[in-house]
PDB file of N, CA and C in Angstrom:
ATOM      1  N   MET A   1     135.514  64.857 149.329  1.00  0.00           N
ATOM      2  CA  MET A   1     135.141  64.972 147.947  1.00  0.00           C
ATOM      3  C   MET A   1     136.067  64.142 147.065  1.00  0.00           C
ATOM      4  N   ARG A   2     135.499  63.558 146.054  1.00  0.00           N
ATOM      5  CA  ARG A   2     136.296  62.783 145.104  1.00  0.00           C
ATOM      6  C   ARG A   2     136.679  63.647 143.921  1.00  0.00           C
ATOM      7  N   LYS A   3     137.837  63.331 143.399  1.00  0.00           N
ATOM      8  CA  LYS A   3     138.300  64.040 142.212  1.00  0.00           C
ATOM      9  C   LYS A   3     137.611  63.463 140.986  1.00  0.00           C
ATOM     10  N   LYS A   4     137.156  64.330 140.108  1.00  0.00           N
ATOM     11  CA  LYS A   4     136.497  63.877 138.891  1.00  0.00           C
ATOM     12  C   LYS A   4     137.503  63.203 137.969  1.00  0.00           C
ATOM     13  N   LYS A   5     137.069  62.117 137.346  1.00  0.00           N
ATOM     14  CA  LYS A   5     137.931  61.457 136.372  1.00  0.00           C
ATOM     15  C   LYS A   5     137.974  62.292 135.106  1.00  0.00           C
ATOM     16  N   ASP A   6     139.171  62.407 134.577  1.00  0.00           N
ATOM     17  CA  ASP A   6     139.358  63.167 133.344  1.00  0.00           C
ATOM     18  C   ASP A   6     139.041  62.254 132.164  1.00  0.00           C
ATOM     19  N   ASP A   7     138.174  62.680 131.275  1.00  0.00           N
ATOM     20  CA  ASP A   7     137.801  61.879 130.116  1.00  0.00           C
ATOM     21  C   ASP A   7     138.948  61.738 129.121  1.00  0.00           C
ATOM     22  N   ASN A   8     139.844  62.674 129.094  1.00  0.00           N
ATOM     23  CA  ASN A   8     140.944  62.659 128.141  1.00  0.00           C
ATOM     24  C   ASN A   8     142.266  62.762 128.903  1.00  0.00           C
ATOM     25  N   PRO A   9     142.708  61.653 129.504  1.00  0.00           N
ATOM     26  CA  PRO A   9     143.949  61.718 130.274  1.00  0.00           C
ATOM     27  C   PRO A   9     145.146  61.943 129.350  1.00  0.00           C
ATOM     28  N   GLU A  10     146.106  62.652 129.847  1.00  0.00           N
ATOM     29  CA  GLU A  10     147.301  62.947 129.066  1.00  0.00           C
ATOM     30  C   GLU A  10     148.188  61.707 129.039  1.00  0.00           C
ATOM     31  N   LEU A  11     148.582  61.278 127.847  1.00  0.00           N
ATOM     32  CA  LEU A  11     149.424  60.098 127.704  1.00  0.00           C
ATOM     33  C   LEU A  11     150.885  60.455 127.943  1.00  0.00           C
ATOM     34  N   VAL A  12     151.572  59.595 128.648  1.00  0.00           N
ATOM     35  CA  VAL A  12     152.994  59.801 128.897  1.00  0.00           C
ATOM     36  C   VAL A  12     153.791  59.392 127.658  1.00  0.00           C
ATOM     37  N   VAL A  13     153.401  58.275 127.049  1.00  0.00           N
ATOM     38  CA  VAL A  13     154.060  57.763 125.852  1.00  0.00           C
ATOM     39  C   VAL A  13     153.133  58.019 124.667  1.00  0.00           C
ATOM     40  N   PRO A  14     153.654  58.587 123.593  1.00  0.00           N
ATOM     41  CA  PRO A  14     152.803  58.820 122.425  1.00  0.00           C
ATOM     42  C   PRO A  14     152.241  57.512 121.865  1.00  0.00           C
ATOM     43  N   LYS A  15     151.014  57.562 121.361  1.00  0.00           N
ATOM     44  CA  LYS A  15     150.350  56.354 120.846  1.00  0.00           C
ATOM     45  C   LYS A  15     151.137  55.701 119.725  1.00  0.00           C
ATOM     46  N   ALA A  16     151.715  56.481 118.838  1.00  0.00           N
ATOM     47  CA  ALA A  16     152.465  55.916 117.712  1.00  0.00           C
ATOM     48  C   ALA A  16     153.652  55.089 118.201  1.00  0.00           C
ATOM     49  N   LEU A  17     154.361  55.592 119.199  1.00  0.00           N
ATOM     50  CA  LEU A  17     155.508  54.871 119.752  1.00  0.00           C
ATOM     51  C   LEU A  17     155.052  53.604 120.478  1.00  0.00           C
ATOM     52  N   LEU A  18     153.941  53.698 121.185  1.00  0.00           N
ATOM     53  CA  LEU A  18     153.397  52.546 121.892  1.00  0.00           C
ATOM     54  C   LEU A  18     152.982  51.438 120.923  1.00  0.00           C
ATOM     55  N   GLU A  19     152.316  51.786 119.849  1.00  0.00           N
ATOM     56  CA  GLU A  19     151.902  50.804 118.842  1.00  0.00           C
ATOM     57  C   GLU A  19     153.106  50.159 118.166  1.00  0.00           C
ATOM     58  N   ARG A  20     154.122  50.945 117.889  1.00  0.00           N
ATOM     59  CA  ARG A  20     155.333  50.406 117.254  1.00  0.00           C
ATOM     60  C   ARG A  20     156.031  49.416 118.184  1.00  0.00           C
ATOM     61  N   ALA A  21     156.063  49.726 119.484  1.00  0.00           N
ATOM     62  CA  ALA A  21     156.675  48.823 120.453  1.00  0.00           C
ATOM     63  C   ALA A  21     155.892  47.520 120.563  1.00  0.00           C
ATOM     64  N   LYS A  22     154.562  47.612 120.588  1.00  0.00           N
ATOM     65  CA  LYS A  22     153.728  46.399 120.640  1.00  0.00           C
ATOM     66  C   LYS A  22     153.944  45.540 119.407  1.00  0.00           C
ATOM     67  N   GLY A  23     154.049  46.169 118.249  1.00  0.00           N
ATOM     68  CA  GLY A  23     154.274  45.438 116.999  1.00  0.00           C
ATOM     69  C   GLY A  23     155.610  44.725 116.979  1.00  0.00           C
ATOM     70  N   SER A  24     156.630  45.343 117.569  1.00  0.00           N
ATOM     71  CA  SER A  24     157.945  44.710 117.571  1.00  0.00           C
ATOM     72  C   SER A  24     157.962  43.480 118.470  1.00  0.00           C
ATOM     73  N   VAL A  25     157.222  43.503 119.566  1.00  0.00           N
ATOM     74  CA  VAL A  25     157.153  42.345 120.455  1.00  0.00           C
ATOM     75  C   VAL A  25     156.394  41.215 119.776  1.00  0.00           C
ATOM     76  N   GLU A  26     155.282  41.519 119.136  1.00  0.00           N
ATOM     77  CA  GLU A  26     154.504  40.495 118.441  1.00  0.00           C
ATOM     78  C   GLU A  26     155.278  39.926 117.259  1.00  0.00           C
ATOM     79  N   GLY A  27     156.095  40.734 116.632  1.00  0.00           N
ATOM     80  CA  GLY A  27     156.884  40.280 115.497  1.00  0.00           C
ATOM     81  C   GLY A  27     157.879  39.200 115.877  1.00  0.00           C
ATOM     82  N   ASP A  28     158.457  39.281 117.091  1.00  0.00           N
ATOM     83  CA  ASP A  28     159.388  38.261 117.553  1.00  0.00           C
ATOM     84  C   ASP A  28     158.710  36.912 117.686  1.00  0.00           C
ATOM     85  N   LYS A  29     157.458  36.925 118.124  1.00  0.00           N
ATOM     86  CA  LYS A  29     156.723  35.670 118.291  1.00  0.00           C
ATOM     87  C   LYS A  29     156.430  35.031 116.941  1.00  0.00           C
ATOM     88  N   LEU A  30     156.214  35.845 115.933  1.00  0.00           N
ATOM     89  CA  LEU A  30     155.848  35.321 114.622  1.00  0.00           C
ATOM     90  C   LEU A  30     157.048  34.820 113.832  1.00  0.00           C
ATOM     91  N   ARG A  31     158.219  35.323 114.113  1.00  0.00           N
ATOM     92  CA  ARG A  31     159.399  34.972 113.320  1.00  0.00           C
ATOM     93  C   ARG A  31     159.834  33.529 113.496  1.00  0.00           C
ATOM     94  N   ARG A  32     159.864  33.056 114.723  1.00  0.00           N
ATOM     95  CA  ARG A  32     160.333  31.690 114.946  1.00  0.00           C
ATOM     96  C   ARG A  32     159.197  30.828 115.489  1.00  0.00           C
ATOM     97  N   PRO A  33     159.015  29.672 114.899  1.00  0.00           N
ATOM     98  CA  PRO A  33     157.942  28.798 115.384  1.00  0.00           C
ATOM     99  C   PRO A  33     158.311  28.233 116.759  1.00  0.00           C
ATOM    100  N   PRO A  34     157.326  27.987 117.606  1.00  0.00           N
ATOM    101  CA  PRO A  34     157.622  27.443 118.927  1.00  0.00           C
ATOM    102  C   PRO A  34     158.190  26.032 118.809  1.00  0.00           C
ATOM    103  N   LYS A  35     159.149  25.724 119.667  1.00  0.00           N
ATOM    104  CA  LYS A  35     159.734  24.384 119.678  1.00  0.00           C
ATOM    105  C   LYS A  35     158.720  23.394 120.228  1.00  0.00           C
ATOM    106  N   GLN A  36     158.892  22.143 119.846  1.00  0.00           N
ATOM    107  CA  GLN A  36     158.001  21.092 120.323  1.00  0.00           C
ATOM    108  C   GLN A  36     158.774  20.130 121.207  1.00  0.00           C
ATOM    109  N   CYS A  37     158.084  19.602 122.196  1.00  0.00           N
ATOM    110  CA  CYS A  37     158.660  18.626 123.113  1.00  0.00           C
ATOM    111  C   CYS A  37     159.041  17.366 122.331  1.00  0.00           C
ATOM    112  N   VAL A  38     160.208  16.801 122.638  1.00  0.00           N
ATOM    113  CA  VAL A  38     160.669  15.614 121.921  1.00  0.00           C
ATOM    114  C   VAL A  38     159.900  14.365 122.340  1.00  0.00           C
ATOM    115  N   VAL A  39     159.163  14.419 123.449  1.00  0.00           N
ATOM    116  CA  VAL A  39     158.417  13.261 123.932  1.00  0.00           C
ATOM    117  C   VAL A  39     156.964  13.302 123.477  1.00  0.00           C
ATOM    118  N   CYS A  40     156.278  14.435 123.746  1.00  0.00           N
ATOM    119  CA  CYS A  40     154.838  14.487 123.504  1.00  0.00           C
ATOM    120  C   CYS A  40     154.419  15.514 122.457  1.00  0.00           C
ATOM    121  N   SER A  41     155.342  16.246 121.882  1.00  0.00           N
ATOM    122  CA  SER A  41     155.097  17.253 120.839  1.00  0.00           C
ATOM    123  C   SER A  41     154.296  18.463 121.326  1.00  0.00           C
ATOM    124  N   ASP A  42     154.271  18.703 122.622  1.00  0.00           N
ATOM    125  CA  ASP A  42     153.635  19.903 123.165  1.00  0.00           C
ATOM    126  C   ASP A  42     154.637  21.056 123.109  1.00  0.00           C
ATOM    127  N   LYS A  43     154.212  22.249 123.498  1.00  0.00           N
ATOM    128  CA  LYS A  43     155.088  23.416 123.483  1.00  0.00           C
ATOM    129  C   LYS A  43     156.181  23.267 124.538  1.00  0.00           C
ATOM    130  N   VAL A  44     157.434  23.598 124.184  1.00  0.00           N
ATOM    131  CA  VAL A  44     158.572  23.440 125.086  1.00  0.00           C
ATOM    132  C   VAL A  44     158.519  24.479 126.202  1.00  0.00           C
ATOM    133  N   ALA A  45     158.898  24.068 127.402  1.00  0.00           N
ATOM    134  CA  ALA A  45     158.970  24.985 128.541  1.00  0.00           C
ATOM    135  C   ALA A  45     160.082  25.995 128.296  1.00  0.00           C
ATOM    136  N   PRO A  46     159.890  27.244 128.712  1.00  0.00           N
ATOM    137  CA  PRO A  46     160.887  28.282 128.436  1.00  0.00           C
ATOM    138  C   PRO A  46     162.230  28.042 129.118  1.00  0.00           C
ATOM    139  N   ASN A  47     162.259  27.337 130.219  1.00  0.00           N
ATOM    140  CA  ASN A  47     163.515  27.110 130.938  1.00  0.00           C
ATOM    141  C   ASN A  47     164.076  25.705 130.730  1.00  0.00           C
ATOM    142  N   SER A  48     163.646  25.021 129.696  1.00  0.00           N
ATOM    143  CA  SER A  48     164.081  23.649 129.450  1.00  0.00           C
ATOM    144  C   SER A  48     165.226  23.628 128.445  1.00  0.00           C
ATOM    145  N   ALA A  49     166.340  23.048 128.856  1.00  0.00           N
ATOM    146  CA  ALA A  49     167.496  22.918 127.961  1.00  0.00           C
ATOM    147  C   ALA A  49     167.403  21.636 127.135  1.00  0.00           C
ATOM    148  N   GLU A  50     166.524  20.711 127.548  1.00  0.00           N
ATOM    149  CA  GLU A  50     166.422  19.409 126.875  1.00  0.00           C
ATOM    150  C   GLU A  50     165.299  19.352 125.855  1.00  0.00           C
ATOM    151  N   ASP A  51     164.673  20.466 125.537  1.00  0.00           N
ATOM    152  CA  ASP A  51     163.531  20.519 124.619  1.00  0.00           C
ATOM    153  C   ASP A  51     162.380  19.634 125.100  1.00  0.00           C
ATOM    154  N   LEU A  52     162.014  19.803 126.375  1.00  0.00           N
ATOM    155  CA  LEU A  52     160.889  19.084 126.966  1.00  0.00           C
ATOM    156  C   LEU A  52     159.835  20.080 127.420  1.00  0.00           C
ATOM    157  N   CYS A  53     158.563  19.678 127.352  1.00  0.00           N
ATOM    158  CA  CYS A  53     157.493  20.520 127.891  1.00  0.00           C
ATOM    159  C   CYS A  53     157.569  20.447 129.415  1.00  0.00           C
ATOM    160  N   TRP A  54     156.782  21.270 130.094  1.00  0.00           N
ATOM    161  CA  TRP A  54     156.892  21.313 131.552  1.00  0.00           C
ATOM    162  C   TRP A  54     156.436  20.014 132.196  1.00  0.00           C
ATOM    163  N   VAL A  55     155.481  19.293 131.573  1.00  0.00           N
ATOM    164  CA  VAL A  55     154.998  18.033 132.155  1.00  0.00           C
ATOM    165  C   VAL A  55     156.080  16.959 132.040  1.00  0.00           C
ATOM    166  N   CYS A  56     156.640  16.800 130.851  1.00  0.00           N
ATOM    167  CA  CYS A  56     157.685  15.785 130.651  1.00  0.00           C
ATOM    168  C   CYS A  56     158.932  16.104 131.470  1.00  0.00           C
ATOM    169  N   ARG A  57     159.238  17.392 131.599  1.00  0.00           N
ATOM    170  CA  ARG A  57     160.385  17.804 132.403  1.00  0.00           C
ATOM    171  C   ARG A  57     160.162  17.445 133.868  1.00  0.00           C
ATOM    172  N   ARG A  58     158.957  17.672 134.352  1.00  0.00           N
ATOM    173  CA  ARG A  58     158.631  17.348 135.736  1.00  0.00           C
ATOM    174  C   ARG A  58     158.672  15.839 135.976  1.00  0.00           C
ATOM    175  N   LEU A  59     158.166  15.072 135.016  1.00  0.00           N
ATOM    176  CA  LEU A  59     158.208  13.610 135.142  1.00  0.00           C
ATOM    177  C   LEU A  59     159.648  13.105 135.170  1.00  0.00           C
ATOM    178  N   LYS A  60     160.499  13.714 134.381  1.00  0.00           N
ATOM    179  CA  LYS A  60     161.915  13.321 134.349  1.00  0.00           C
ATOM    180  C   LYS A  60     162.568  13.592 135.700  1.00  0.00           C
ATOM    181  N   VAL A  61     162.321  14.762 136.268  1.00  0.00           N
ATOM    182  CA  VAL A  61     162.893  15.115 137.574  1.00  0.00           C
ATOM    183  C   VAL A  61     162.373  14.169 138.649  1.00  0.00           C
ATOM    184  N   SER A  62     161.080  13.847 138.604  1.00  0.00           N
ATOM    185  CA  SER A  62     160.502  12.922 139.583  1.00  0.00           C
ATOM    186  C   SER A  62     161.112  11.533 139.454  1.00  0.00           C
ATOM    187  N   ALA A  63     161.335  11.086 138.247  1.00  0.00           N
ATOM    188  CA  ALA A  63     161.935   9.766 138.032  1.00  0.00           C
ATOM    189  C   ALA A  63     163.360   9.729 138.580  1.00  0.00           C
ATOM    190  N   TRP A  64     164.117  10.781 138.390  1.00  0.00           N
ATOM    191  CA  TRP A  64     165.472  10.840 138.949  1.00  0.00           C
ATOM    192  C   TRP A  64     165.414  10.776 140.470  1.00  0.00           C
ATOM    193  N   HIS A  65     164.468  11.513 141.046  1.00  0.00           N
ATOM    194  CA  HIS A  65     164.346  11.533 142.503  1.00  0.00           C
ATOM    195  C   HIS A  65     163.989  10.150 143.039  1.00  0.00           C
ATOM    196  N   GLU A  66     163.059   9.471 142.392  1.00  0.00           N
ATOM    197  CA  GLU A  66     162.666   8.127 142.821  1.00  0.00           C
ATOM    198  C   GLU A  66     163.828   7.149 142.678  1.00  0.00           C
ATOM    199  N   ASN A  67     164.608   7.304 141.631  1.00  0.00           N
ATOM    200  CA  ASN A  67     165.740   6.419 141.386  1.00  0.00           C
ATOM    201  C   ASN A  67     166.787   6.586 142.487  1.00  0.00           C
ATOM    202  N   GLU A  68     166.988   7.803 142.960  1.00  0.00           N
ATOM    203  CA  GLU A  68     167.959   8.047 144.029  1.00  0.00           C
ATOM    204  C   GLU A  68     167.483   7.487 145.367  1.00  0.00           C
ATOM    205  N   LEU A  69     166.167   7.423 145.580  1.00  0.00           N
ATOM    206  CA  LEU A  69     165.631   6.957 146.850  1.00  0.00           C
ATOM    207  C   LEU A  69     165.582   5.427 146.964  1.00  0.00           C
ATOM    208  N   GLN A  70     165.655   4.723 145.847  1.00  0.00           N
ATOM    209  CA  GLN A  70     165.558   3.261 145.883  1.00  0.00           C
ATOM    210  C   GLN A  70     166.810   2.676 146.526  1.00  0.00           C
ATOM    211  N   MET A  71     166.573   1.641 147.324  1.00  0.00           N
ATOM    212  CA  MET A  71     167.677   0.946 147.979  1.00  0.00           C
ATOM    213  C   MET A  71     168.345   0.009 146.969  1.00  0.00           C
ATOM    214  N   PRO A  72     169.660  -0.053 146.989  1.00  0.00           N
ATOM    215  CA  PRO A  72     170.342  -0.990 146.089  1.00  0.00           C
ATOM    216  C   PRO A  72     170.045  -2.445 146.488  1.00  0.00           C
ATOM    217  N   VAL A  73     170.024  -3.327 145.509  1.00  0.00           N
ATOM    218  CA  VAL A  73     169.741  -4.741 145.758  1.00  0.00           C
ATOM    219  C   VAL A  73     170.962  -5.370 146.416  1.00  0.00           C
ATOM    220  N   GLN A  74     170.711  -6.079 147.514  1.00  0.00           N
ATOM    221  CA  GLN A  74     171.829  -6.737 148.214  1.00  0.00           C
ATOM    222  C   GLN A  74     171.821  -8.226 147.893  1.00  0.00           C
ATOM    223  N   ASP A  75     173.012  -8.772 147.713  1.00  0.00           N
ATOM    224  CA  ASP A  75     173.127 -10.204 147.405  1.00  0.00           C
ATOM    225  C   ASP A  75     173.117 -11.060 148.634  1.00  0.00           C
TER     226      ASP A  75
END
């Protein structure tokens, strides 16, 4: 036998407290405008220290990797 679903489940957290918490999280997003990438003006990646979006950051890392793999020119 299956247990009947309760139409009015008991809330663990009161609704007023839950709404206040949601409002505080949304308020942080509204206070500061998102940073823009210095190359393409897209939204900055959250883990970027250079103010680059994830695409420009990835291209930069790839370029460094390619530069390390190139053989030096011999005279």
